[in-house]
């Protein structure tokens, strides 16, 4: 199955310690999110491994107040930004689904498998 690179945002718009949700498949909901932590960019599917629910409680609210952890606001699970591993909560030891991405001409592009919509 081939992948399509879909633009999310300009890399310089993704601030340190912040996360942003995106709707690359135009489904009317943010099915992926990107974050910058310790100057490293990561892109994850917006889906908790515990209940198959979206993580954020409102637009772009994926991180703890101090920006150090990804939080599932449905039930309080906490994930490491660098790996997506759950370190607290009912899905302890499970991980968020990381998505491949690349940078091109200053843009952050997520690699989306063709014909495979991501629920969110």
PDB file of N, CA and C in Angstrom:
ATOM      1  N   UNK A   1       0.844  -1.170   0.000  1.00  0.00           N
ATOM      2  CA  UNK A   1       0.000   0.000   0.000  1.00  0.00           C
ATOM      3  C   UNK A   1       0.890   1.233   0.000  1.00  0.00           C
ATOM      4  N   UNK A   2       0.657   2.155  -0.899  1.00  0.00           N
ATOM      5  CA  UNK A   2       1.476   3.355  -0.963  1.00  0.00           C
ATOM      6  C   UNK A   2       0.921   4.417  -0.019  1.00  0.00           C
ATOM      7  N   UNK A   3       1.737   5.428   0.243  1.00  0.00           N
ATOM      8  CA  UNK A   3       1.350   6.486   1.172  1.00  0.00           C
ATOM      9  C   UNK A   3       1.335   7.819   0.451  1.00  0.00           C
ATOM     10  N   UNK A   4       0.485   8.692   0.920  1.00  0.00           N
ATOM     11  CA  UNK A   4       0.382  10.049   0.400  1.00  0.00           C
ATOM     12  C   UNK A   4       0.887  10.993   1.479  1.00  0.00           C
ATOM     13  N   UNK A   5       1.769  11.906   1.105  1.00  0.00           N
ATOM     14  CA  UNK A   5       2.252  12.911   2.049  1.00  0.00           C
ATOM     15  C   UNK A   5       1.255  14.062   2.085  1.00  0.00           C
ATOM     16  N   UNK A   6       0.693  14.307   3.252  1.00  0.00           N
ATOM     17  CA  UNK A   6      -0.300  15.377   3.415  1.00  0.00           C
ATOM     18  C   UNK A   6       0.280  16.458   4.325  1.00  0.00           C
ATOM     19  N   UNK A   7       0.192  17.714   3.890  1.00  0.00           N
ATOM     20  CA  UNK A   7       0.747  18.802   4.707  1.00  0.00           C
ATOM     21  C   UNK A   7      -0.097  19.038   5.962  1.00  0.00           C
ATOM     22  N   UNK A   8       0.597  19.271   7.078  1.00  0.00           N
ATOM     23  CA  UNK A   8      -0.083  19.601   8.321  1.00  0.00           C
ATOM     24  C   UNK A   8       0.065  21.083   8.645  1.00  0.00           C
ATOM     25  N   UNK A   9       1.315  21.562   8.687  1.00  0.00           N
ATOM     26  CA  UNK A   9       1.574  22.969   8.989  1.00  0.00           C
ATOM     27  C   UNK A   9       3.022  23.271   8.631  1.00  0.00           C
ATOM     28  N   UNK A  10       3.362  24.543   8.703  1.00  0.00           N
ATOM     29  CA  UNK A  10       4.775  24.908   8.574  1.00  0.00           C
ATOM     30  C   UNK A  10       5.462  24.497   9.877  1.00  0.00           C
ATOM     31  N   UNK A  11       6.664  23.967   9.782  1.00  0.00           N
ATOM     32  CA  UNK A  11       7.385  23.503  10.973  1.00  0.00           C
ATOM     33  C   UNK A  11       7.589  24.613  11.994  1.00  0.00           C
ATOM     34  N   UNK A  12       7.809  25.840  11.528  1.00  0.00           N
ATOM     35  CA  UNK A  12       8.036  26.938  12.468  1.00  0.00           C
ATOM     36  C   UNK A  12       6.759  27.350  13.208  1.00  0.00           C
ATOM     37  N   UNK A  13       5.601  26.815  12.813  1.00  0.00           N
ATOM     38  CA  UNK A  13       4.344  27.087  13.519  1.00  0.00           C
ATOM     39  C   UNK A  13       4.118  26.114  14.682  1.00  0.00           C
ATOM     40  N   UNK A  14       4.935  25.080  14.760  1.00  0.00           N
ATOM     41  CA  UNK A  14       4.810  24.082  15.817  1.00  0.00           C
ATOM     42  C   UNK A  14       5.775  24.460  16.935  1.00  0.00           C
ATOM     43  N   UNK A  15       5.232  25.035  18.002  1.00  0.00           N
ATOM     44  CA  UNK A  15       6.042  25.590  19.083  1.00  0.00           C
ATOM     45  C   UNK A  15       6.488  24.520  20.074  1.00  0.00           C
ATOM     46  N   UNK A  16       7.631  24.763  20.686  1.00  0.00           N
ATOM     47  CA  UNK A  16       8.158  23.884  21.722  1.00  0.00           C
ATOM     48  C   UNK A  16       7.153  23.755  22.866  1.00  0.00           C
ATOM     49  N   UNK A  17       6.922  22.496  23.319  1.00  0.00           N
ATOM     50  CA  UNK A  17       6.022  22.247  24.430  1.00  0.00           C
ATOM     51  C   UNK A  17       4.549  22.404  24.094  1.00  0.00           C
ATOM     52  N   UNK A  18       4.235  22.414  22.807  1.00  0.00           N
ATOM     53  CA  UNK A  18       2.836  22.571  22.368  1.00  0.00           C
ATOM     54  C   UNK A  18       2.490  21.463  21.381  1.00  0.00           C
ATOM     55  N   UNK A  19       1.201  21.183  21.266  1.00  0.00           N
ATOM     56  CA  UNK A  19       0.703  20.196  20.309  1.00  0.00           C
ATOM     57  C   UNK A  19      -0.440  20.819  19.530  1.00  0.00           C
ATOM     58  N   UNK A  20      -0.622  20.346  18.307  1.00  0.00           N
ATOM     59  CA  UNK A  20      -1.724  20.819  17.468  1.00  0.00           C
ATOM     60  C   UNK A  20      -2.384  19.633  16.792  1.00  0.00           C
ATOM     61  N   UNK A  21      -3.703  19.671  16.717  1.00  0.00           N
ATOM     62  CA  UNK A  21      -4.454  18.636  16.027  1.00  0.00           C
ATOM     63  C   UNK A  21      -4.682  19.015  14.579  1.00  0.00           C
ATOM     64  N   UNK A  22      -4.823  17.978  13.726  1.00  0.00           N
ATOM     65  CA  UNK A  22      -5.010  18.200  12.290  1.00  0.00           C
ATOM     66  C   UNK A  22      -6.001  17.193  11.723  1.00  0.00           C
ATOM     67  N   UNK A  23      -6.616  17.587  10.638  1.00  0.00           N
ATOM     68  CA  UNK A  23      -7.611  16.779   9.931  1.00  0.00           C
ATOM     69  C   UNK A  23      -7.129  16.566   8.487  1.00  0.00           C
ATOM     70  N   UNK A  24      -6.064  15.775   8.299  1.00  0.00           N
ATOM     71  CA  UNK A  24      -5.475  15.647   6.964  1.00  0.00           C
ATOM     72  C   UNK A  24      -6.381  14.972   5.934  1.00  0.00           C
ATOM     73  N   UNK A  25      -7.389  14.256   6.381  1.00  0.00           N
ATOM     74  CA  UNK A  25      -8.286  13.568   5.454  1.00  0.00           C
ATOM     75  C   UNK A  25      -9.623  14.290   5.302  1.00  0.00           C
ATOM     76  N   UNK A  26      -9.713  15.504   5.856  1.00  0.00           N
ATOM     77  CA  UNK A  26     -10.923  16.336   5.761  1.00  0.00           C
ATOM     78  C   UNK A  26     -12.168  15.558   6.197  1.00  0.00           C
ATOM     79  N   UNK A  27     -12.086  14.939   7.385  1.00  0.00           N
ATOM     80  CA  UNK A  27     -13.191  14.159   7.935  1.00  0.00           C
ATOM     81  C   UNK A  27     -14.004  14.940   8.960  1.00  0.00           C
ATOM     82  N   UNK A  28     -13.623  16.186   9.223  1.00  0.00           N
ATOM     83  CA  UNK A  28     -14.363  16.994  10.171  1.00  0.00           C
ATOM     84  C   UNK A  28     -13.927  16.828  11.611  1.00  0.00           C
ATOM     85  N   UNK A  29     -12.798  16.159  11.842  1.00  0.00           N
ATOM     86  CA  UNK A  29     -12.253  15.993  13.195  1.00  0.00           C
ATOM     87  C   UNK A  29     -10.735  15.790  13.088  1.00  0.00           C
ATOM     88  N   UNK A  30     -10.057  16.165  14.139  1.00  0.00           N
ATOM     89  CA  UNK A  30      -8.596  16.030  14.153  1.00  0.00           C
ATOM     90  C   UNK A  30      -8.219  14.575  14.392  1.00  0.00           C
ATOM     91  N   UNK A  31      -7.812  13.889  13.360  1.00  0.00           N
ATOM     92  CA  UNK A  31      -7.470  12.470  13.465  1.00  0.00           C
ATOM     93  C   UNK A  31      -5.996  12.239  13.786  1.00  0.00           C
ATOM     94  N   UNK A  32      -5.177  13.284  13.678  1.00  0.00           N
ATOM     95  CA  UNK A  32      -3.761  13.198  14.030  1.00  0.00           C
ATOM     96  C   UNK A  32      -3.376  14.450  14.814  1.00  0.00           C
ATOM     97  N   UNK A  33      -2.267  14.353  15.540  1.00  0.00           N
ATOM     98  CA  UNK A  33      -1.725  15.550  16.175  1.00  0.00           C
ATOM     99  C   UNK A  33      -0.210  15.516  16.097  1.00  0.00           C
ATOM    100  N   UNK A  34       0.365  16.695  16.099  1.00  0.00           N
ATOM    101  CA  UNK A  34       1.817  16.839  16.052  1.00  0.00           C
ATOM    102  C   UNK A  34       2.241  17.661  17.255  1.00  0.00           C
ATOM    103  N   UNK A  35       3.438  17.397  17.734  1.00  0.00           N
ATOM    104  CA  UNK A  35       3.965  18.149  18.864  1.00  0.00           C
ATOM    105  C   UNK A  35       5.458  18.344  18.693  1.00  0.00           C
ATOM    106  N   UNK A  36       5.949  19.337  19.397  1.00  0.00           N
ATOM    107  CA  UNK A  36       7.395  19.557  19.473  1.00  0.00           C
ATOM    108  C   UNK A  36       7.761  19.502  20.964  1.00  0.00           C
ATOM    109  N   UNK A  37       8.657  18.565  21.292  1.00  0.00           N
ATOM    110  CA  UNK A  37       9.089  18.383  22.672  1.00  0.00           C
ATOM    111  C   UNK A  37      10.586  18.119  22.653  1.00  0.00           C
ATOM    112  N   UNK A  38      11.337  18.847  23.493  1.00  0.00           N
ATOM    113  CA  UNK A  38      12.804  18.761  23.489  1.00  0.00           C
ATOM    114  C   UNK A  38      13.342  18.970  22.078  1.00  0.00           C
ATOM    115  N   UNK A  39      12.715  19.886  21.362  1.00  0.00           N
ATOM    116  CA  UNK A  39      13.063  20.275  19.991  1.00  0.00           C
ATOM    117  C   UNK A  39      12.942  19.132  18.988  1.00  0.00           C
ATOM    118  N   UNK A  40      12.208  18.084  19.341  1.00  0.00           N
ATOM    119  CA  UNK A  40      11.941  16.970  18.437  1.00  0.00           C
ATOM    120  C   UNK A  40      10.463  16.977  18.064  1.00  0.00           C
ATOM    121  N   UNK A  41      10.175  16.791  16.793  1.00  0.00           N
ATOM    122  CA  UNK A  41       8.797  16.746  16.316  1.00  0.00           C
ATOM    123  C   UNK A  41       8.334  15.296  16.300  1.00  0.00           C
ATOM    124  N   UNK A  42       7.103  15.085  16.702  1.00  0.00           N
ATOM    125  CA  UNK A  42       6.462  13.773  16.656  1.00  0.00           C
ATOM    126  C   UNK A  42       5.051  13.950  16.110  1.00  0.00           C
ATOM    127  N   UNK A  43       4.561  12.928  15.418  1.00  0.00           N
ATOM    128  CA  UNK A  43       3.187  12.924  14.911  1.00  0.00           C
ATOM    129  C   UNK A  43       2.544  11.613  15.344  1.00  0.00           C
ATOM    130  N   UNK A  44       1.375  11.723  15.951  1.00  0.00           N
ATOM    131  CA  UNK A  44       0.652  10.548  16.445  1.00  0.00           C
ATOM    132  C   UNK A  44      -0.784  10.551  15.943  1.00  0.00           C
ATOM    133  N   UNK A  45      -1.336   9.372  15.864  1.00  0.00           N
ATOM    134  CA  UNK A  45      -2.762   9.219  15.607  1.00  0.00           C
ATOM    135  C   UNK A  45      -3.503   9.693  16.861  1.00  0.00           C
ATOM    136  N   UNK A  46      -4.577  10.419  16.691  1.00  0.00           N
ATOM    137  CA  UNK A  46      -5.353  10.954  17.810  1.00  0.00           C
ATOM    138  C   UNK A  46      -6.325   9.878  18.304  1.00  0.00           C
ATOM    139  N   UNK A  47      -5.767   8.906  19.003  1.00  0.00           N
ATOM    140  CA  UNK A  47      -6.556   7.769  19.464  1.00  0.00           C
ATOM    141  C   UNK A  47      -5.890   7.157  20.693  1.00  0.00           C
ATOM    142  N   UNK A  48      -6.638   7.081  21.780  1.00  0.00           N
ATOM    143  CA  UNK A  48      -6.124   6.440  22.989  1.00  0.00           C
ATOM    144  C   UNK A  48      -6.173   4.923  22.796  1.00  0.00           C
ATOM    145  N   UNK A  49      -5.099   4.209  23.140  1.00  0.00           N
ATOM    146  CA  UNK A  49      -5.118   2.753  22.966  1.00  0.00           C
ATOM    147  C   UNK A  49      -6.069   2.039  23.933  1.00  0.00           C
ATOM    148  N   UNK A  50      -6.535   2.727  24.960  1.00  0.00           N
ATOM    149  CA  UNK A  50      -7.402   2.098  25.958  1.00  0.00           C
ATOM    150  C   UNK A  50      -8.853   2.006  25.494  1.00  0.00           C
ATOM    151  N   UNK A  51      -9.440   3.138  25.093  1.00  0.00           N
ATOM    152  CA  UNK A  51     -10.861   3.155  24.763  1.00  0.00           C
ATOM    153  C   UNK A  51     -11.181   3.532  23.322  1.00  0.00           C
ATOM    154  N   UNK A  52     -10.159   3.687  22.479  1.00  0.00           N
ATOM    155  CA  UNK A  52     -10.369   4.110  21.094  1.00  0.00           C
ATOM    156  C   UNK A  52     -11.137   5.429  21.034  1.00  0.00           C
ATOM    157  N   UNK A  53     -10.738   6.383  21.874  1.00  0.00           N
ATOM    158  CA  UNK A  53     -11.326   7.720  21.883  1.00  0.00           C
ATOM    159  C   UNK A  53     -10.253   8.748  21.563  1.00  0.00           C
ATOM    160  N   UNK A  54     -10.692   9.923  21.151  1.00  0.00           N
ATOM    161  CA  UNK A  54      -9.749  11.013  20.920  1.00  0.00           C
ATOM    162  C   UNK A  54      -9.162  11.461  22.251  1.00  0.00           C
ATOM    163  N   UNK A  55      -7.965  12.000  22.202  1.00  0.00           N
ATOM    164  CA  UNK A  55      -7.233  12.348  23.412  1.00  0.00           C
ATOM    165  C   UNK A  55      -7.593  13.711  23.988  1.00  0.00           C
ATOM    166  N   UNK A  56      -7.786  14.708  23.167  1.00  0.00           N
ATOM    167  CA  UNK A  56      -7.910  16.084  23.638  1.00  0.00           C
ATOM    168  C   UNK A  56      -9.301  16.382  24.197  1.00  0.00           C
ATOM    169  N   UNK A  57      -9.357  17.326  25.143  1.00  0.00           N
ATOM    170  CA  UNK A  57     -10.656  17.714  25.694  1.00  0.00           C
ATOM    171  C   UNK A  57     -11.226  18.916  24.961  1.00  0.00           C
ATOM    172  N   UNK A  58     -10.385  19.669  24.269  1.00  0.00           N
ATOM    173  CA  UNK A  58     -10.820  20.720  23.353  1.00  0.00           C
ATOM    174  C   UNK A  58      -9.703  20.956  22.353  1.00  0.00           C
ATOM    175  N   UNK A  59      -9.970  21.723  21.346  1.00  0.00           N
ATOM    176  CA  UNK A  59      -9.038  21.918  20.234  1.00  0.00           C
ATOM    177  C   UNK A  59      -7.602  22.158  20.726  1.00  0.00           C
ATOM    178  N   UNK A  60      -6.694  21.314  20.255  1.00  0.00           N
ATOM    179  CA  UNK A  60      -5.254  21.425  20.493  1.00  0.00           C
ATOM    180  C   UNK A  60      -4.830  21.230  21.952  1.00  0.00           C
ATOM    181  N   UNK A  61      -5.670  20.669  22.809  1.00  0.00           N
ATOM    182  CA  UNK A  61      -5.320  20.434  24.215  1.00  0.00           C
ATOM    183  C   UNK A  61      -4.975  18.963  24.422  1.00  0.00           C
ATOM    184  N   UNK A  62      -3.745  18.614  24.020  1.00  0.00           N
ATOM    185  CA  UNK A  62      -3.249  17.237  24.108  1.00  0.00           C
ATOM    186  C   UNK A  62      -2.248  17.052  25.245  1.00  0.00           C
ATOM    187  N   UNK A  63      -1.668  18.145  25.718  1.00  0.00           N
ATOM    188  CA  UNK A  63      -0.567  18.052  26.672  1.00  0.00           C
ATOM    189  C   UNK A  63      -0.975  18.485  28.075  1.00  0.00           C
ATOM    190  N   UNK A  64      -0.212  18.010  29.053  1.00  0.00           N
ATOM    191  CA  UNK A  64      -0.393  18.451  30.433  1.00  0.00           C
ATOM    192  C   UNK A  64      -0.111  19.951  30.514  1.00  0.00           C
ATOM    193  N   UNK A  65      -0.505  20.577  31.613  1.00  0.00           N
ATOM    194  CA  UNK A  65      -0.353  22.026  31.770  1.00  0.00           C
ATOM    195  C   UNK A  65       1.099  22.469  31.610  1.00  0.00           C
ATOM    196  N   UNK A  66       2.048  21.631  32.035  1.00  0.00           N
ATOM    197  CA  UNK A  66       3.468  22.003  31.910  1.00  0.00           C
ATOM    198  C   UNK A  66       4.073  21.589  30.561  1.00  0.00           C
ATOM    199  N   UNK A  67       3.273  20.959  29.692  1.00  0.00           N
ATOM    200  CA  UNK A  67       3.742  20.576  28.360  1.00  0.00           C
ATOM    201  C   UNK A  67       4.668  19.379  28.335  1.00  0.00           C
ATOM    202  N   UNK A  68       4.764  18.647  29.442  1.00  0.00           N
ATOM    203  CA  UNK A  68       5.725  17.542  29.530  1.00  0.00           C
ATOM    204  C   UNK A  68       5.161  16.170  29.201  1.00  0.00           C
ATOM    205  N   UNK A  69       3.825  16.027  29.196  1.00  0.00           N
ATOM    206  CA  UNK A  69       3.197  14.732  28.930  1.00  0.00           C
ATOM    207  C   UNK A  69       1.996  14.907  28.008  1.00  0.00           C
ATOM    208  N   UNK A  70       1.710  13.881  27.216  1.00  0.00           N
ATOM    209  CA  UNK A  70       0.472  13.803  26.459  1.00  0.00           C
ATOM    210  C   UNK A  70      -0.564  13.202  27.406  1.00  0.00           C
ATOM    211  N   UNK A  71      -1.759  13.763  27.440  1.00  0.00           N
ATOM    212  CA  UNK A  71      -2.786  13.304  28.372  1.00  0.00           C
ATOM    213  C   UNK A  71      -4.051  12.938  27.613  1.00  0.00           C
ATOM    214  N   UNK A  72      -4.620  11.786  27.948  1.00  0.00           N
ATOM    215  CA  UNK A  72      -5.942  11.427  27.456  1.00  0.00           C
ATOM    216  C   UNK A  72      -6.940  11.974  28.470  1.00  0.00           C
ATOM    217  N   UNK A  73      -7.704  12.949  28.055  1.00  0.00           N
ATOM    218  CA  UNK A  73      -8.612  13.595  28.981  1.00  0.00           C
ATOM    219  C   UNK A  73      -9.878  12.783  29.248  1.00  0.00           C
ATOM    220  N   UNK A  74     -10.075  11.682  28.545  1.00  0.00           N
ATOM    221  CA  UNK A  74     -11.233  10.827  28.819  1.00  0.00           C
ATOM    222  C   UNK A  74     -11.060  10.076  30.137  1.00  0.00           C
ATOM    223  N   UNK A  75      -9.800   9.692  30.450  1.00  0.00           N
ATOM    224  CA  UNK A  75      -9.590   8.909  31.662  1.00  0.00           C
ATOM    225  C   UNK A  75      -8.229   9.131  32.313  1.00  0.00           C
ATOM    226  N   UNK A  76      -7.506  10.156  31.911  1.00  0.00           N
ATOM    227  CA  UNK A  76      -6.292  10.557  32.611  1.00  0.00           C
ATOM    228  C   UNK A  76      -5.016   9.813  32.284  1.00  0.00           C
ATOM    229  N   UNK A  77      -5.017   8.961  31.280  1.00  0.00           N
ATOM    230  CA  UNK A  77      -3.772   8.278  30.919  1.00  0.00           C
ATOM    231  C   UNK A  77      -2.725   9.308  30.509  1.00  0.00           C
ATOM    232  N   UNK A  78      -1.464   9.024  30.809  1.00  0.00           N
ATOM    233  CA  UNK A  78      -0.366   9.929  30.489  1.00  0.00           C
ATOM    234  C   UNK A  78       0.667   9.202  29.641  1.00  0.00           C
ATOM    235  N   UNK A  79       1.152   9.890  28.617  1.00  0.00           N
ATOM    236  CA  UNK A  79       2.064   9.303  27.639  1.00  0.00           C
ATOM    237  C   UNK A  79       3.307  10.177  27.495  1.00  0.00           C
ATOM    238  N   UNK A  80       4.442   9.537  27.255  1.00  0.00           N
ATOM    239  CA  UNK A  80       5.683  10.259  26.995  1.00  0.00           C
ATOM    240  C   UNK A  80       5.652  10.839  25.582  1.00  0.00           C
ATOM    241  N   UNK A  81       5.954  12.127  25.428  1.00  0.00           N
ATOM    242  CA  UNK A  81       5.930  12.729  24.087  1.00  0.00           C
ATOM    243  C   UNK A  81       6.926  12.100  23.107  1.00  0.00           C
ATOM    244  N   UNK A  82       8.081  11.691  23.589  1.00  0.00           N
ATOM    245  CA  UNK A  82       9.125  11.181  22.696  1.00  0.00           C
ATOM    246  C   UNK A  82       8.798   9.817  22.100  1.00  0.00           C
ATOM    247  N   UNK A  83       8.052   8.990  22.854  1.00  0.00           N
ATOM    248  CA  UNK A  83       7.811   7.612  22.409  1.00  0.00           C
ATOM    249  C   UNK A  83       6.333   7.256  22.294  1.00  0.00           C
ATOM    250  N   UNK A  84       5.471   8.037  22.936  1.00  0.00           N
ATOM    251  CA  UNK A  84       4.048   7.717  22.964  1.00  0.00           C
ATOM    252  C   UNK A  84       3.699   6.624  23.962  1.00  0.00           C
ATOM    253  N   UNK A  85       4.663   6.188  24.776  1.00  0.00           N
ATOM    254  CA  UNK A  85       4.405   5.121  25.746  1.00  0.00           C
ATOM    255  C   UNK A  85       3.575   5.640  26.914  1.00  0.00           C
ATOM    256  N   UNK A  86       2.566   4.864  27.309  1.00  0.00           N
ATOM    257  CA  UNK A  86       1.742   5.206  28.465  1.00  0.00           C
ATOM    258  C   UNK A  86       2.511   4.888  29.738  1.00  0.00           C
ATOM    259  N   UNK A  87       2.654   5.901  30.611  1.00  0.00           N
ATOM    260  CA  UNK A  87       3.372   5.707  31.870  1.00  0.00           C
ATOM    261  C   UNK A  87       2.444   5.789  33.077  1.00  0.00           C
ATOM    262  N   UNK A  88       1.156   6.114  32.835  1.00  0.00           N
ATOM    263  CA  UNK A  88       0.189   6.182  33.920  1.00  0.00           C
ATOM    264  C   UNK A  88      -1.206   5.987  33.352  1.00  0.00           C
ATOM    265  N   UNK A  89      -1.998   5.159  33.986  1.00  0.00           N
ATOM    266  CA  UNK A  89      -3.382   4.983  33.579  1.00  0.00           C
ATOM    267  C   UNK A  89      -3.687   3.567  33.140  1.00  0.00           C
ATOM    268  N   UNK A  90      -4.903   3.339  32.669  1.00  0.00           N
ATOM    269  CA  UNK A  90      -5.370   1.990  32.359  1.00  0.00           C
ATOM    270  C   UNK A  90      -4.688   1.337  31.157  1.00  0.00           C
ATOM    271  N   UNK A  91      -3.975   2.099  30.365  1.00  0.00           N
ATOM    272  CA  UNK A  91      -3.275   1.494  29.214  1.00  0.00           C
ATOM    273  C   UNK A  91      -1.766   1.484  29.439  1.00  0.00           C
ATOM    274  N   UNK A  92      -1.348   1.400  30.692  1.00  0.00           N
ATOM    275  CA  UNK A  92       0.058   1.393  31.089  1.00  0.00           C
ATOM    276  C   UNK A  92       0.861   0.426  30.215  1.00  0.00           C
ATOM    277  N   UNK A  93       1.952   0.941  29.645  1.00  0.00           N
ATOM    278  CA  UNK A  93       2.820   0.114  28.808  1.00  0.00           C
ATOM    279  C   UNK A  93       2.435   0.091  27.339  1.00  0.00           C
ATOM    280  N   UNK A  94       1.203   0.460  27.015  1.00  0.00           N
ATOM    281  CA  UNK A  94       0.812   0.538  25.606  1.00  0.00           C
ATOM    282  C   UNK A  94       1.324   1.862  25.026  1.00  0.00           C
ATOM    283  N   UNK A  95       1.286   1.989  23.712  1.00  0.00           N
ATOM    284  CA  UNK A  95       1.787   3.215  23.092  1.00  0.00           C
ATOM    285  C   UNK A  95       0.775   3.803  22.122  1.00  0.00           C
ATOM    286  N   UNK A  96       0.914   5.103  21.942  1.00  0.00           N
ATOM    287  CA  UNK A  96       0.160   5.782  20.905  1.00  0.00           C
ATOM    288  C   UNK A  96       0.722   5.350  19.559  1.00  0.00           C
ATOM    289  N   UNK A  97      -0.087   5.425  18.520  1.00  0.00           N
ATOM    290  CA  UNK A  97       0.369   5.043  17.182  1.00  0.00           C
ATOM    291  C   UNK A  97       1.104   6.214  16.544  1.00  0.00           C
ATOM    292  N   UNK A  98       2.421   6.058  16.399  1.00  0.00           N
ATOM    293  CA  UNK A  98       3.238   7.078  15.740  1.00  0.00           C
ATOM    294  C   UNK A  98       3.022   6.980  14.232  1.00  0.00           C
ATOM    295  N   UNK A  99       2.991   8.129  13.583  1.00  0.00           N
ATOM    296  CA  UNK A  99       2.825   8.171  12.133  1.00  0.00           C
ATOM    297  C   UNK A  99       4.101   8.695  11.488  1.00  0.00           C
ATOM    298  N   UNK A 100       4.488   8.115  10.365  1.00  0.00           N
ATOM    299  CA  UNK A 100       5.687   8.614   9.681  1.00  0.00           C
ATOM    300  C   UNK A 100       5.432  10.010   9.127  1.00  0.00           C
ATOM    301  N   UNK A 101       6.470  10.825   9.162  1.00  0.00           N
ATOM    302  CA  UNK A 101       6.347  12.195   8.671  1.00  0.00           C
ATOM    303  C   UNK A 101       7.674  12.619   8.072  1.00  0.00           C
ATOM    304  N   UNK A 102       7.640  13.720   7.363  1.00  0.00           N
ATOM    305  CA  UNK A 102       8.866  14.275   6.806  1.00  0.00           C
ATOM    306  C   UNK A 102       8.718  15.791   6.735  1.00  0.00           C
ATOM    307  N   UNK A 103       9.810  16.443   6.456  1.00  0.00           N
ATOM    308  CA  UNK A 103       9.831  17.884   6.273  1.00  0.00           C
ATOM    309  C   UNK A 103      10.174  18.162   4.820  1.00  0.00           C
ATOM    310  N   UNK A 104       9.449  19.084   4.205  1.00  0.00           N
ATOM    311  CA  UNK A 104       9.758  19.473   2.836  1.00  0.00           C
ATOM    312  C   UNK A 104       9.492  20.957   2.683  1.00  0.00           C
ATOM    313  N   UNK A 105      10.523  21.676   2.307  1.00  0.00           N
ATOM    314  CA  UNK A 105      10.423  23.122   2.088  1.00  0.00           C
ATOM    315  C   UNK A 105       9.815  23.847   3.275  1.00  0.00           C
ATOM    316  N   UNK A 106      10.165  23.408   4.497  1.00  0.00           N
ATOM    317  CA  UNK A 106       9.679  24.051   5.701  1.00  0.00           C
ATOM    318  C   UNK A 106       8.319  23.579   6.178  1.00  0.00           C
ATOM    319  N   UNK A 107       7.711  22.622   5.472  1.00  0.00           N
ATOM    320  CA  UNK A 107       6.395  22.099   5.841  1.00  0.00           C
ATOM    321  C   UNK A 107       6.523  20.737   6.510  1.00  0.00           C
ATOM    322  N   UNK A 108       5.668  20.479   7.476  1.00  0.00           N
ATOM    323  CA  UNK A 108       5.559  19.171   8.121  1.00  0.00           C
ATOM    324  C   UNK A 108       4.520  18.376   7.345  1.00  0.00           C
ATOM    325  N   UNK A 109       4.935  17.222   6.821  1.00  0.00           N
ATOM    326  CA  UNK A 109       4.050  16.364   6.040  1.00  0.00           C
ATOM    327  C   UNK A 109       3.901  15.025   6.745  1.00  0.00           C
ATOM    328  N   UNK A 110       2.664  14.557   6.870  1.00  0.00           N
ATOM    329  CA  UNK A 110       2.424  13.239   7.448  1.00  0.00           C
ATOM    330  C   UNK A 110       2.225  12.256   6.300  1.00  0.00           C
ATOM    331  N   UNK A 111       2.755  11.056   6.458  1.00  0.00           N
ATOM    332  CA  UNK A 111       2.616  10.011   5.445  1.00  0.00           C
ATOM    333  C   UNK A 111       1.357   9.207   5.756  1.00  0.00           C
ATOM    334  N   UNK A 112       0.329   9.363   4.944  1.00  0.00           N
ATOM    335  CA  UNK A 112      -0.955   8.688   5.165  1.00  0.00           C
ATOM    336  C   UNK A 112      -1.117   7.572   4.148  1.00  0.00           C
ATOM    337  N   UNK A 113      -1.351   6.333   4.588  1.00  0.00           N
ATOM    338  CA  UNK A 113      -1.603   5.241   3.641  1.00  0.00           C
ATOM    339  C   UNK A 113      -2.833   5.559   2.802  1.00  0.00           C
ATOM    340  N   UNK A 114      -2.736   5.358   1.493  1.00  0.00           N
ATOM    341  CA  UNK A 114      -3.863   5.607   0.593  1.00  0.00           C
ATOM    342  C   UNK A 114      -5.053   4.738   0.958  1.00  0.00           C
ATOM    343  N   UNK A 115      -6.234   5.354   0.960  1.00  0.00           N
ATOM    344  CA  UNK A 115      -7.462   4.609   1.181  1.00  0.00           C
ATOM    345  C   UNK A 115      -7.672   4.109   2.587  1.00  0.00           C
ATOM    346  N   UNK A 116      -6.856   4.560   3.528  1.00  0.00           N
ATOM    347  CA  UNK A 116      -6.982   4.100   4.906  1.00  0.00           C
ATOM    348  C   UNK A 116      -7.276   5.287   5.808  1.00  0.00           C
ATOM    349  N   UNK A 117      -8.553   5.665   5.936  1.00  0.00           N
ATOM    350  CA  UNK A 117      -8.877   6.779   6.812  1.00  0.00           C
ATOM    351  C   UNK A 117      -8.585   6.433   8.260  1.00  0.00           C
ATOM    352  N   UNK A 118      -8.186   7.419   9.014  1.00  0.00           N
ATOM    353  CA  UNK A 118      -7.905   7.227  10.426  1.00  0.00           C
ATOM    354  C   UNK A 118      -9.116   7.662  11.238  1.00  0.00           C
ATOM    355  N   UNK A 119      -9.681   6.762  12.006  1.00  0.00           N
ATOM    356  CA  UNK A 119     -10.780   7.200  12.875  1.00  0.00           C
ATOM    357  C   UNK A 119     -10.265   8.171  13.916  1.00  0.00           C
ATOM    358  N   UNK A 120     -11.126   8.969  14.444  1.00  0.00           N
ATOM    359  CA  UNK A 120     -10.678   9.915  15.461  1.00  0.00           C
ATOM    360  C   UNK A 120     -11.792  10.366  16.242  1.00  0.00           C
TER     361      UNK A 120
END
